[in-house]
Amino acid sequence: MKTIEVDEELYRYIASHTQHIGESASDILRRMLKFTAGQPVRTAPAIAGAQAEPPAVAAPAQRPRDRVRAVRELLLSDEYAEQNKAVNRFMLVLSTLYTLDAAGFAAATDALHGRTRTYFAGDQQTLLANGTHTKPKHVPGTPYWVITNTNTGRKRSMIEHIMQSMQFPAELIEKVCGTV
């Protein structure tokens, strides 16, 4: 039997698919990959760099189950667990939601603003113009900026609004908001 090294996040993902106590990693992977013992191994042909096809464009929105799984994986990730400030968890959730459905995220944030404040904008100056102490931060991996000097309850409310607009299940929204 060979030994391979996997990072902690991948290990937890594989372990989360355990169906019974004592199931080996090989059994879990065989089931996940639909690979049976004795099945011939197919190797991908080596492609010269010049002949390689460009990467396929990602689908505009993932299937609902995949989106839910991606958010749950974020909540279980080391990166998320290591965040000791609500604002950092808030930013990670926003980045993930944008990655899963940019159009849905855009529609949700366009409709989200306070009585006197703009919460999301495409640039820092717009947020600074709509409040004196907004502490705008860039949402990593997105073209968006968000104000961050709101209390944790308001941050949760913003995430709740965005996730509802993006049609995530209520129990997942509650779980995400509870971790921010």
Protein backbone atom coordinates (compact mmCIF):
# COMPACT_ATOMS: atom_id res chain seq x y z
CA MET A 1 0.00 0.00 0.00
CA LYS A 2 1.32 3.46 -0.93
CA THR A 3 1.26 6.54 1.28
CA ILE A 4 0.26 9.95 -0.02
CA GLU A 5 0.21 13.33 1.68
CA VAL A 6 -2.92 15.47 1.53
CA ASP A 7 -3.54 18.86 3.08
CA GLU A 8 -5.77 19.16 6.15
CA GLU A 9 -8.74 20.59 4.25
CA LEU A 10 -8.75 17.72 1.73
CA TYR A 11 -8.33 15.18 4.53
CA ARG A 12 -11.38 16.59 6.34
CA TYR A 13 -13.38 16.55 3.11
CA ILE A 14 -12.55 12.88 2.50
CA ALA A 15 -13.21 12.00 6.15
CA SER A 16 -16.60 13.73 5.99
CA HIS A 17 -17.66 11.11 3.42
CA THR A 18 -17.10 8.20 5.82
CA GLN A 19 -20.15 5.93 5.86
CA HIS A 20 -19.17 3.65 8.73
CA ILE A 21 -16.60 3.45 11.51
CA GLY A 22 -13.34 1.90 10.39
CA GLU A 23 -13.85 2.62 6.69
CA SER A 24 -10.45 3.10 5.08
CA ALA A 25 -9.44 6.15 3.07
CA SER A 26 -9.00 3.85 0.06
CA ASP A 27 -12.60 2.64 0.38
CA ILE A 28 -13.90 6.20 0.69
CA LEU A 29 -11.94 7.36 -2.35
CA ARG A 30 -12.99 4.32 -4.41
CA ARG A 31 -16.62 5.11 -3.65
CA MET A 32 -16.24 8.84 -4.34
CA LEU A 33 -14.39 8.21 -7.61
CA LYS A 34 -16.61 5.26 -8.58
CA PHE A 35 -13.47 3.17 -8.99
CA THR A 36 -13.64 -0.60 -8.55
CA ALA A 37 -10.81 -3.01 -7.76
CA GLY A 38 -9.18 -4.35 -10.91
CA GLN A 39 -10.50 -1.52 -13.06
CA PRO A 40 -7.86 -0.48 -15.62
CA VAL A 41 -6.23 2.84 -14.84
CA ARG A 42 -6.65 5.42 -17.58
CA THR A 43 -3.86 7.91 -17.92
CA ALA A 44 -4.37 11.27 -19.54
CA PRO A 45 -2.25 11.69 -22.66
CA ALA A 46 0.51 14.24 -22.32
CA ILE A 47 -0.33 17.37 -24.26
CA ALA A 48 2.36 19.68 -25.53
CA GLY A 49 2.03 23.24 -24.22
CA ALA A 50 1.30 24.64 -27.68
CA GLN A 51 -1.49 22.12 -28.30
CA ALA A 52 -3.20 22.57 -24.94
CA GLU A 53 -6.77 23.79 -25.08
CA PRO A 54 -7.68 26.96 -23.20
CA PRO A 55 -9.49 26.33 -19.91
CA ALA A 56 -13.24 26.07 -20.17
CA VAL A 57 -15.26 29.05 -19.00
CA ALA A 58 -16.96 28.35 -15.69
CA ALA A 59 -20.72 27.97 -15.65
CA PRO A 60 -22.48 31.18 -14.61
CA ALA A 61 -24.04 29.59 -11.52
CA GLN A 62 -23.45 26.23 -9.93
CA ARG A 63 -26.20 23.76 -9.16
CA PRO A 64 -27.89 24.58 -5.84
CA ARG A 65 -26.49 21.51 -4.07
CA ASP A 66 -22.94 22.39 -5.15
CA ARG A 67 -23.37 25.96 -3.87
CA VAL A 68 -24.61 24.70 -0.51
CA ARG A 69 -21.70 22.26 -0.29
CA ALA A 70 -19.21 25.03 -1.12
CA VAL A 71 -20.55 27.24 1.67
CA ARG A 72 -20.50 24.36 4.14
CA GLU A 73 -16.91 23.57 3.14
CA LEU A 74 -16.01 27.21 3.79
CA LEU A 75 -17.47 26.99 7.30
CA LEU A 76 -15.41 23.84 7.97
CA SER A 77 -12.20 25.16 6.44
CA ASP A 78 -9.06 25.94 8.44
CA GLU A 79 -8.89 29.37 6.85
CA TYR A 80 -12.35 30.26 8.19
CA ALA A 81 -11.71 28.70 11.61
CA GLU A 82 -8.46 30.67 11.99
CA GLN A 83 -10.23 34.03 11.60
CA ASN A 84 -10.51 35.62 15.03
CA LYS A 85 -12.40 38.73 13.92
CA ALA A 86 -15.98 38.91 12.67
CA VAL A 87 -14.95 41.30 9.89
CA ASN A 88 -12.50 38.73 8.47
CA ARG A 89 -15.14 35.96 8.52
CA PHE A 90 -17.58 38.43 6.93
CA MET A 91 -15.13 39.12 4.10
CA LEU A 92 -14.50 35.39 3.50
CA VAL A 93 -18.24 34.70 3.27
CA LEU A 94 -18.72 37.59 0.84
CA SER A 95 -15.84 36.38 -1.36
CA THR A 96 -17.27 32.86 -1.42
CA LEU A 97 -20.79 34.04 -2.28
CA TYR A 98 -19.44 36.15 -5.15
CA THR A 99 -17.37 33.22 -6.45
CA LEU A 100 -20.43 30.95 -6.44
CA ASP A 101 -22.74 33.32 -8.33
CA ALA A 102 -21.41 36.72 -9.37
CA ALA A 103 -24.68 37.81 -11.02
CA GLY A 104 -26.77 36.79 -8.02
CA PHE A 105 -24.33 38.54 -5.70
CA ALA A 106 -24.49 41.71 -7.82
CA ALA A 107 -28.30 41.73 -7.78
CA ALA A 108 -28.38 41.19 -4.02
CA THR A 109 -25.86 43.91 -3.21
CA ASP A 110 -27.49 46.44 -5.55
CA ALA A 111 -30.68 46.14 -3.51
CA LEU A 112 -28.86 46.33 -0.17
CA HIS A 113 -28.38 49.73 1.43
CA GLY A 114 -29.30 51.54 4.60
CA ARG A 115 -31.45 54.60 5.12
CA THR A 116 -28.45 56.90 4.75
CA ARG A 117 -25.62 54.52 3.83
CA THR A 118 -24.44 52.61 0.83
CA TYR A 119 -23.05 49.24 1.95
CA PHE A 120 -21.49 47.97 -1.30
CA ALA A 121 -19.87 49.79 -4.21
CA GLY A 122 -17.47 49.22 -7.06
CA ASP A 123 -14.91 51.61 -5.60
CA GLN A 124 -13.74 52.96 -2.28
CA GLN A 125 -14.56 56.60 -3.07
CA THR A 126 -18.30 55.90 -3.45
CA LEU A 127 -18.42 54.44 0.06
CA LEU A 128 -16.34 57.26 1.52
CA ALA A 129 -18.66 59.80 -0.11
CA ASN A 130 -21.66 58.21 1.61
CA GLY A 131 -20.28 58.28 5.14
CA THR A 132 -17.41 59.76 7.08
CA HIS A 133 -16.25 56.70 9.02
CA THR A 134 -17.22 53.77 6.82
CA LYS A 135 -13.86 51.94 6.81
CA PRO A 136 -14.34 50.51 3.31
CA LYS A 137 -12.49 47.30 2.50
CA HIS A 138 -12.07 45.53 -0.80
CA VAL A 139 -13.84 42.16 -0.91
CA PRO A 140 -11.06 39.77 -2.05
CA GLY A 141 -11.57 38.21 -5.47
CA THR A 142 -14.38 40.59 -6.40
CA PRO A 143 -14.77 44.05 -7.91
CA TYR A 144 -16.68 45.12 -4.77
CA TRP A 145 -15.91 47.25 -1.75
CA VAL A 146 -17.94 47.02 1.46
CA ILE A 147 -18.22 49.19 4.56
CA THR A 148 -16.86 47.41 7.62
CA ASN A 149 -17.49 49.71 10.56
CA THR A 150 -20.94 48.25 11.16
CA ASN A 151 -21.63 46.08 14.18
CA THR A 152 -21.61 42.30 13.88
CA GLY A 153 -25.41 42.20 13.85
CA ARG A 154 -25.50 44.44 10.78
CA LYS A 155 -22.85 42.30 9.05
CA ARG A 156 -25.00 39.22 9.74
CA SER A 157 -28.03 41.05 8.41
CA MET A 158 -26.18 41.90 5.18
CA ILE A 159 -25.10 38.28 4.70
CA GLU A 160 -28.63 37.09 5.45
CA HIS A 161 -30.08 39.45 2.83
CA ILE A 162 -27.54 38.42 0.19
CA MET A 163 -27.97 34.69 0.82
CA GLN A 164 -31.78 34.96 0.81
CA SER A 165 -31.62 36.87 -2.45
CA MET A 166 -29.33 34.16 -3.86
CA GLN A 167 -31.91 31.57 -2.69
CA PHE A 168 -29.81 29.60 -0.22
CA PRO A 169 -31.68 27.31 2.22
CA ALA A 170 -32.83 29.02 5.43
CA GLU A 171 -30.96 26.62 7.74
CA LEU A 172 -27.68 27.30 5.93
CA ILE A 173 -28.23 31.06 6.12
CA GLU A 174 -28.83 30.74 9.86
CA LYS A 175 -25.69 28.62 10.27
CA VAL A 176 -23.51 31.08 8.32
CA CYS A 177 -24.89 34.10 10.17
CA GLY A 178 -24.28 32.34 13.48
CA THR A 179 -20.59 31.92 12.70
CA VAL A 180 -19.83 35.50 11.66
